Structures are given as C-alpha cells and as structure tokens.
Amino acid sequence: MTAGGEFNGGWLAAGLRLQLQAMAAGTQALTDPDDQRQESCDDVSFPRDSCEAMRRGVIESLVGLILRAQELDSSPLWLCGGDAPLLVRELQTQGLELNYAPDLVMQSLVTLVSPAPDR
C-alpha cells in the first residue's frame, strides 16, 4: 500500500476457505471439507481421503505462493488474518523468517484513533 492507501503491486490470491469452497462448488464429486477436520490432516503429506487431500493441496499452494514471492522480493514477511496460524507453522518448517501478528489490523486501528503523544 502507498501512503495514500492505494494498492502498490503484488499478488492477490484466494485463501484456504475460498479455494476449498471453489473446489466443492466447481466439482460435482467433491464436497466442502468440514472445518472440524482441520487439525487431522495438517501433518499428512499425501492424504488418501478427498477432503484431506483438498485441504493439503490448498495449504501447499499457499505455502508455494509465499515462498515464490519471497524469492522475488525479500521484504520482511508479515502474516495476520484467518489462515495465518496454519501458514506460520508450515512456513517455519520451510525455514522462512516471518513476523506473526494476529492482531495487526486491530493494533493499527487503535494507533490510528489514539491521540498522538506530541499533540
């Protein structure tokens, strides 16, 4: 983002939930994986269950996208938002240095509305 709040370039990609929903909606034989199964397949490299395979495929695509972006631009990586907890673990196992700030958006809003100390 620029100082004026405009998009300054980069990549936009669908997150875990949207990719899973798209696969389920666009493929007759696949169903949307149940969120409660999230932890059960996170450590399985090649799942044999369709729902787990969908989740692992999406996780691998997101990790690959982030790793490629870091190859092209070594700027500090900050993760926040819905998929961040899952991606932090995956990226750390790849040896990627990152900053995890689960409340980054809220912290920024508080900073914006708080009076400056020099006022």
N, C-alpha and C. Protein backbone atom coordinates (compact mmCIF):
# COMPACT_ATOMS: atom_id res chain seq x y z
N MET A 1 0.84 -1.17 0.00
CA MET A 1 0.00 0.00 0.00
C MET A 1 0.89 1.24 0.00
N THR A 2 0.43 2.24 -0.71
CA THR A 2 1.14 3.51 -0.69
C THR A 2 0.70 4.30 0.54
N ALA A 3 1.37 5.41 0.80
CA ALA A 3 0.99 6.27 1.92
C ALA A 3 -0.44 6.78 1.74
N GLY A 4 -0.90 6.86 0.49
CA GLY A 4 -2.26 7.30 0.21
C GLY A 4 -3.29 6.18 0.27
N GLY A 5 -2.88 4.98 0.67
CA GLY A 5 -3.80 3.87 0.82
C GLY A 5 -4.14 3.14 -0.47
N GLU A 6 -3.32 3.30 -1.49
CA GLU A 6 -3.58 2.64 -2.77
C GLU A 6 -2.73 1.38 -2.91
N PHE A 7 -3.29 0.40 -3.62
CA PHE A 7 -2.57 -0.84 -3.90
C PHE A 7 -1.34 -0.51 -4.72
N ASN A 8 -0.19 -1.02 -4.28
CA ASN A 8 1.08 -0.66 -4.90
C ASN A 8 1.72 -1.82 -5.66
N GLY A 9 0.99 -2.88 -5.85
CA GLY A 9 1.52 -4.02 -6.59
C GLY A 9 1.68 -5.25 -5.72
N GLY A 10 1.82 -6.35 -6.38
CA GLY A 10 1.95 -7.62 -5.68
C GLY A 10 0.98 -8.63 -6.23
N TRP A 11 0.68 -9.62 -5.45
CA TRP A 11 -0.22 -10.70 -5.88
C TRP A 11 -1.44 -10.75 -4.97
N LEU A 12 -2.56 -11.06 -5.54
CA LEU A 12 -3.77 -11.33 -4.78
C LEU A 12 -4.14 -12.79 -5.03
N ALA A 13 -4.44 -13.52 -3.99
CA ALA A 13 -4.78 -14.94 -4.14
C ALA A 13 -5.87 -15.31 -3.15
N ALA A 14 -6.67 -16.28 -3.52
CA ALA A 14 -7.72 -16.77 -2.63
C ALA A 14 -7.09 -17.54 -1.47
N GLY A 15 -7.67 -17.39 -0.30
CA GLY A 15 -7.20 -18.10 0.87
C GLY A 15 -7.77 -19.51 0.96
N LEU A 16 -7.48 -20.15 2.06
CA LEU A 16 -7.86 -21.54 2.28
C LEU A 16 -9.36 -21.76 2.08
N ARG A 17 -10.17 -21.03 2.78
CA ARG A 17 -11.62 -21.22 2.76
C ARG A 17 -12.19 -21.04 1.36
N LEU A 18 -11.80 -19.95 0.69
CA LEU A 18 -12.35 -19.68 -0.65
C LEU A 18 -11.91 -20.73 -1.66
N GLN A 19 -10.66 -21.18 -1.58
CA GLN A 19 -10.21 -22.22 -2.50
C GLN A 19 -10.97 -23.53 -2.28
N LEU A 20 -11.20 -23.89 -1.02
CA LEU A 20 -11.95 -25.11 -0.73
C LEU A 20 -13.39 -24.99 -1.23
N GLN A 21 -14.00 -23.84 -1.00
CA GLN A 21 -15.37 -23.63 -1.47
C GLN A 21 -15.44 -23.69 -2.99
N ALA A 22 -14.45 -23.12 -3.66
CA ALA A 22 -14.43 -23.13 -5.13
C ALA A 22 -14.31 -24.55 -5.67
N MET A 23 -13.45 -25.36 -5.05
CA MET A 23 -13.32 -26.75 -5.50
C MET A 23 -14.63 -27.51 -5.31
N ALA A 24 -15.25 -27.32 -4.15
CA ALA A 24 -16.50 -28.03 -3.87
C ALA A 24 -17.62 -27.56 -4.80
N ALA A 25 -17.68 -26.27 -5.07
CA ALA A 25 -18.74 -25.73 -5.94
C ALA A 25 -18.52 -26.09 -7.40
N GLY A 26 -17.27 -26.19 -7.81
CA GLY A 26 -16.97 -26.40 -9.22
C GLY A 26 -16.74 -27.85 -9.62
N THR A 27 -16.80 -28.75 -8.66
CA THR A 27 -16.54 -30.17 -8.94
C THR A 27 -17.67 -30.99 -8.33
N GLN A 28 -18.35 -31.72 -9.16
CA GLN A 28 -19.54 -32.45 -8.71
C GLN A 28 -19.25 -33.48 -7.62
N ALA A 29 -18.14 -34.16 -7.69
CA ALA A 29 -17.87 -35.25 -6.75
C ALA A 29 -17.20 -34.81 -5.45
N LEU A 30 -16.80 -33.54 -5.34
CA LEU A 30 -16.12 -33.08 -4.13
C LEU A 30 -17.08 -32.30 -3.26
N THR A 31 -16.95 -32.48 -1.96
CA THR A 31 -17.74 -31.70 -1.01
C THR A 31 -16.82 -30.78 -0.23
N ASP A 32 -17.39 -29.74 0.33
CA ASP A 32 -16.62 -28.79 1.12
C ASP A 32 -16.16 -29.48 2.41
N PRO A 33 -14.85 -29.54 2.65
CA PRO A 33 -14.35 -30.21 3.86
C PRO A 33 -14.89 -29.54 5.13
N ASP A 34 -15.13 -30.37 6.11
CA ASP A 34 -15.63 -29.91 7.39
C ASP A 34 -14.50 -29.21 8.14
N ASP A 35 -14.74 -27.99 8.62
CA ASP A 35 -13.72 -27.23 9.36
C ASP A 35 -13.17 -27.99 10.56
N GLN A 36 -13.98 -28.84 11.16
CA GLN A 36 -13.54 -29.55 12.36
C GLN A 36 -12.46 -30.58 12.06
N ARG A 37 -12.25 -30.90 10.82
CA ARG A 37 -11.23 -31.89 10.46
C ARG A 37 -9.88 -31.21 10.20
N GLN A 38 -9.81 -29.92 10.35
CA GLN A 38 -8.62 -29.16 10.02
C GLN A 38 -7.35 -29.74 10.62
N GLU A 39 -7.35 -30.00 11.90
CA GLU A 39 -6.13 -30.46 12.56
C GLU A 39 -5.76 -31.88 12.17
N SER A 40 -6.74 -32.68 11.74
CA SER A 40 -6.47 -34.10 11.49
C SER A 40 -5.58 -34.34 10.29
N CYS A 41 -5.53 -33.43 9.34
CA CYS A 41 -4.77 -33.71 8.12
C CYS A 41 -3.58 -32.79 7.92
N ASP A 42 -3.33 -31.91 8.86
CA ASP A 42 -2.26 -30.93 8.65
C ASP A 42 -0.88 -31.56 8.51
N ASP A 43 -0.66 -32.72 9.11
CA ASP A 43 0.67 -33.33 9.06
C ASP A 43 0.76 -34.48 8.06
N VAL A 44 -0.25 -34.68 7.25
CA VAL A 44 -0.27 -35.77 6.28
C VAL A 44 0.17 -35.22 4.93
N SER A 45 1.29 -35.72 4.41
CA SER A 45 1.82 -35.21 3.15
C SER A 45 0.97 -35.59 1.95
N PHE A 46 0.53 -36.83 1.89
CA PHE A 46 -0.28 -37.31 0.77
C PHE A 46 -1.51 -38.03 1.31
N PRO A 47 -2.54 -37.26 1.68
CA PRO A 47 -3.74 -37.86 2.25
C PRO A 47 -4.44 -38.79 1.27
N ARG A 48 -5.15 -39.76 1.79
CA ARG A 48 -5.92 -40.71 0.97
C ARG A 48 -7.41 -40.36 0.96
N ASP A 49 -7.81 -39.45 1.79
CA ASP A 49 -9.20 -39.00 1.88
C ASP A 49 -9.35 -37.73 1.03
N SER A 50 -10.43 -37.63 0.25
CA SER A 50 -10.62 -36.49 -0.66
C SER A 50 -10.61 -35.15 0.06
N CYS A 51 -11.35 -35.07 1.17
CA CYS A 51 -11.42 -33.79 1.90
C CYS A 51 -10.05 -33.39 2.43
N GLU A 52 -9.33 -34.35 2.98
CA GLU A 52 -7.99 -34.05 3.49
C GLU A 52 -7.05 -33.69 2.35
N ALA A 53 -7.21 -34.35 1.21
CA ALA A 53 -6.36 -34.05 0.04
C ALA A 53 -6.64 -32.64 -0.48
N MET A 54 -7.90 -32.22 -0.45
CA MET A 54 -8.24 -30.86 -0.85
C MET A 54 -7.53 -29.85 0.05
N ARG A 55 -7.64 -30.07 1.36
CA ARG A 55 -7.01 -29.15 2.32
C ARG A 55 -5.49 -29.11 2.14
N ARG A 56 -4.87 -30.28 2.01
CA ARG A 56 -3.41 -30.33 1.87
C ARG A 56 -2.99 -29.64 0.58
N GLY A 57 -3.74 -29.84 -0.50
CA GLY A 57 -3.42 -29.20 -1.77
C GLY A 57 -3.49 -27.68 -1.68
N VAL A 58 -4.51 -27.18 -1.01
CA VAL A 58 -4.65 -25.73 -0.85
C VAL A 58 -3.53 -25.18 0.04
N ILE A 59 -3.23 -25.87 1.13
CA ILE A 59 -2.15 -25.43 2.01
C ILE A 59 -0.84 -25.37 1.24
N GLU A 60 -0.55 -26.41 0.47
CA GLU A 60 0.69 -26.44 -0.31
C GLU A 60 0.72 -25.32 -1.34
N SER A 61 -0.42 -25.00 -1.95
CA SER A 61 -0.45 -23.92 -2.94
C SER A 61 -0.18 -22.58 -2.28
N LEU A 62 -0.74 -22.35 -1.10
CA LEU A 62 -0.50 -21.08 -0.40
C LEU A 62 0.96 -20.96 0.05
N VAL A 63 1.50 -22.04 0.59
CA VAL A 63 2.91 -22.04 1.01
C VAL A 63 3.81 -21.79 -0.19
N GLY A 64 3.55 -22.47 -1.30
CA GLY A 64 4.34 -22.28 -2.52
C GLY A 64 4.28 -20.85 -3.04
N LEU A 65 3.11 -20.25 -2.99
CA LEU A 65 2.94 -18.87 -3.43
C LEU A 65 3.78 -17.92 -2.57
N ILE A 66 3.74 -18.12 -1.26
CA ILE A 66 4.51 -17.26 -0.36
C ILE A 66 6.00 -17.46 -0.54
N LEU A 67 6.44 -18.71 -0.66
CA LEU A 67 7.87 -18.98 -0.87
C LEU A 67 8.36 -18.33 -2.17
N ARG A 68 7.58 -18.42 -3.23
CA ARG A 68 7.96 -17.82 -4.51
C ARG A 68 8.01 -16.30 -4.39
N ALA A 69 7.05 -15.71 -3.71
CA ALA A 69 7.06 -14.26 -3.52
C ALA A 69 8.31 -13.82 -2.77
N GLN A 70 8.73 -14.60 -1.77
CA GLN A 70 9.92 -14.27 -1.02
C GLN A 70 11.19 -14.42 -1.85
N GLU A 71 11.18 -15.32 -2.82
CA GLU A 71 12.32 -15.44 -3.74
C GLU A 71 12.44 -14.17 -4.58
N LEU A 72 11.32 -13.62 -4.99
CA LEU A 72 11.31 -12.45 -5.87
C LEU A 72 11.53 -11.14 -5.12
N ASP A 73 11.12 -11.10 -3.86
CA ASP A 73 11.24 -9.88 -3.06
C ASP A 73 11.45 -10.29 -1.61
N SER A 74 12.62 -10.01 -1.11
CA SER A 74 12.97 -10.46 0.24
C SER A 74 12.53 -9.48 1.33
N SER A 75 11.51 -8.69 1.06
CA SER A 75 10.97 -7.80 2.09
C SER A 75 10.52 -8.62 3.29
N PRO A 76 10.49 -8.01 4.47
CA PRO A 76 10.01 -8.75 5.64
C PRO A 76 8.60 -9.29 5.40
N LEU A 77 8.36 -10.49 5.86
CA LEU A 77 7.07 -11.14 5.69
C LEU A 77 6.27 -11.01 6.98
N TRP A 78 5.08 -10.46 6.86
CA TRP A 78 4.17 -10.32 7.98
C TRP A 78 2.93 -11.14 7.69
N LEU A 79 2.52 -11.97 8.63
CA LEU A 79 1.31 -12.76 8.49
C LEU A 79 0.30 -12.36 9.55
N CYS A 80 -0.92 -12.16 9.11
CA CYS A 80 -2.04 -11.90 10.01
C CYS A 80 -3.29 -12.40 9.30
N GLY A 81 -4.37 -12.49 9.99
CA GLY A 81 -5.62 -12.91 9.35
C GLY A 81 -5.95 -14.37 9.58
N GLY A 82 -7.02 -14.80 8.94
CA GLY A 82 -7.61 -16.11 9.19
C GLY A 82 -6.73 -17.32 8.95
N ASP A 83 -5.95 -17.33 7.88
CA ASP A 83 -5.12 -18.50 7.57
C ASP A 83 -3.74 -18.43 8.21
N ALA A 84 -3.41 -17.32 8.82
CA ALA A 84 -2.06 -17.12 9.35
C ALA A 84 -1.60 -18.20 10.34
N PRO A 85 -2.41 -18.60 11.33
CA PRO A 85 -1.90 -19.60 12.27
C PRO A 85 -1.46 -20.89 11.59
N LEU A 86 -2.20 -21.33 10.61
CA LEU A 86 -1.85 -22.54 9.88
C LEU A 86 -0.60 -22.32 9.04
N LEU A 87 -0.51 -21.18 8.37
CA LEU A 87 0.62 -20.91 7.48
C LEU A 87 1.91 -20.65 8.24
N VAL A 88 1.83 -20.07 9.42
CA VAL A 88 3.03 -19.81 10.22
C VAL A 88 3.79 -21.11 10.44
N ARG A 89 3.09 -22.11 10.90
CA ARG A 89 3.73 -23.41 11.17
C ARG A 89 4.33 -24.01 9.90
N GLU A 90 3.57 -23.97 8.82
CA GLU A 90 4.03 -24.54 7.56
C GLU A 90 5.28 -23.81 7.05
N LEU A 91 5.27 -22.49 7.11
CA LEU A 91 6.39 -21.69 6.60
C LEU A 91 7.62 -21.81 7.49
N GLN A 92 7.42 -21.91 8.78
CA GLN A 92 8.56 -22.08 9.69
C GLN A 92 9.27 -23.40 9.45
N THR A 93 8.53 -24.45 9.10
CA THR A 93 9.17 -25.73 8.80
C THR A 93 10.00 -25.63 7.52
N GLN A 94 9.71 -24.64 6.68
CA GLN A 94 10.49 -24.40 5.46
C GLN A 94 11.69 -23.49 5.74
N GLY A 95 11.82 -23.03 6.99
CA GLY A 95 12.94 -22.18 7.37
C GLY A 95 12.76 -20.71 7.00
N LEU A 96 11.54 -20.31 6.71
CA LEU A 96 11.27 -18.93 6.31
C LEU A 96 11.15 -18.04 7.54
N GLU A 97 11.84 -16.92 7.52
CA GLU A 97 11.76 -15.96 8.61
C GLU A 97 10.50 -15.12 8.41
N LEU A 98 9.70 -15.00 9.47
CA LEU A 98 8.45 -14.25 9.33
C LEU A 98 8.07 -13.58 10.63
N ASN A 99 7.16 -12.64 10.52
CA ASN A 99 6.59 -11.94 11.66
C ASN A 99 5.12 -12.31 11.72
N TYR A 100 4.69 -12.83 12.85
CA TYR A 100 3.29 -13.21 13.01
C TYR A 100 2.63 -12.21 13.95
N ALA A 101 1.62 -11.53 13.45
CA ALA A 101 0.92 -10.52 14.23
C ALA A 101 -0.59 -10.77 14.11
N PRO A 102 -1.13 -11.64 14.96
CA PRO A 102 -2.54 -12.00 14.82
C PRO A 102 -3.50 -10.82 14.97
N ASP A 103 -3.09 -9.79 15.68
CA ASP A 103 -3.97 -8.63 15.90
C ASP A 103 -3.49 -7.38 15.18
N LEU A 104 -2.76 -7.54 14.09
CA LEU A 104 -2.16 -6.41 13.40
C LEU A 104 -3.19 -5.37 12.95
N VAL A 105 -4.28 -5.81 12.38
CA VAL A 105 -5.30 -4.86 11.91
C VAL A 105 -5.88 -4.09 13.08
N MET A 106 -6.23 -4.77 14.16
CA MET A 106 -6.79 -4.10 15.32
C MET A 106 -5.78 -3.14 15.95
N GLN A 107 -4.52 -3.56 16.04
CA GLN A 107 -3.48 -2.69 16.59
C GLN A 107 -3.33 -1.43 15.74
N SER A 108 -3.43 -1.58 14.43
CA SER A 108 -3.32 -0.43 13.54
C SER A 108 -4.48 0.52 13.73
N LEU A 109 -5.69 -0.02 13.88
CA LEU A 109 -6.86 0.84 14.11
C LEU A 109 -6.75 1.59 15.42
N VAL A 110 -6.27 0.93 16.46
CA VAL A 110 -6.08 1.60 17.75
C VAL A 110 -5.08 2.73 17.60
N THR A 111 -3.99 2.48 16.88
CA THR A 111 -2.98 3.51 16.66
C THR A 111 -3.56 4.70 15.90
N LEU A 112 -4.39 4.42 14.92
CA LEU A 112 -4.99 5.50 14.12
C LEU A 112 -5.93 6.38 14.92
N VAL A 113 -6.68 5.82 15.86
CA VAL A 113 -7.65 6.61 16.61
C VAL A 113 -7.10 7.16 17.92
N SER A 114 -5.93 6.70 18.34
CA SER A 114 -5.34 7.19 19.58
C SER A 114 -4.69 8.54 19.34
N PRO A 115 -4.81 9.45 20.31
CA PRO A 115 -4.14 10.74 20.16
C PRO A 115 -2.63 10.57 20.16
N ALA A 116 -1.98 11.33 19.31
CA ALA A 116 -0.52 11.28 19.25
C ALA A 116 0.06 11.86 20.53
N PRO A 117 1.16 11.31 21.04
CA PRO A 117 1.74 11.79 22.29
C PRO A 117 2.22 13.24 22.22
N ASP A 118 2.51 13.74 21.02
CA ASP A 118 3.03 15.11 20.90
C ASP A 118 1.93 16.14 20.62
N ARG A 119 0.66 15.76 20.75
CA ARG A 119 -0.45 16.71 20.50
C ARG A 119 -0.86 17.40 21.74
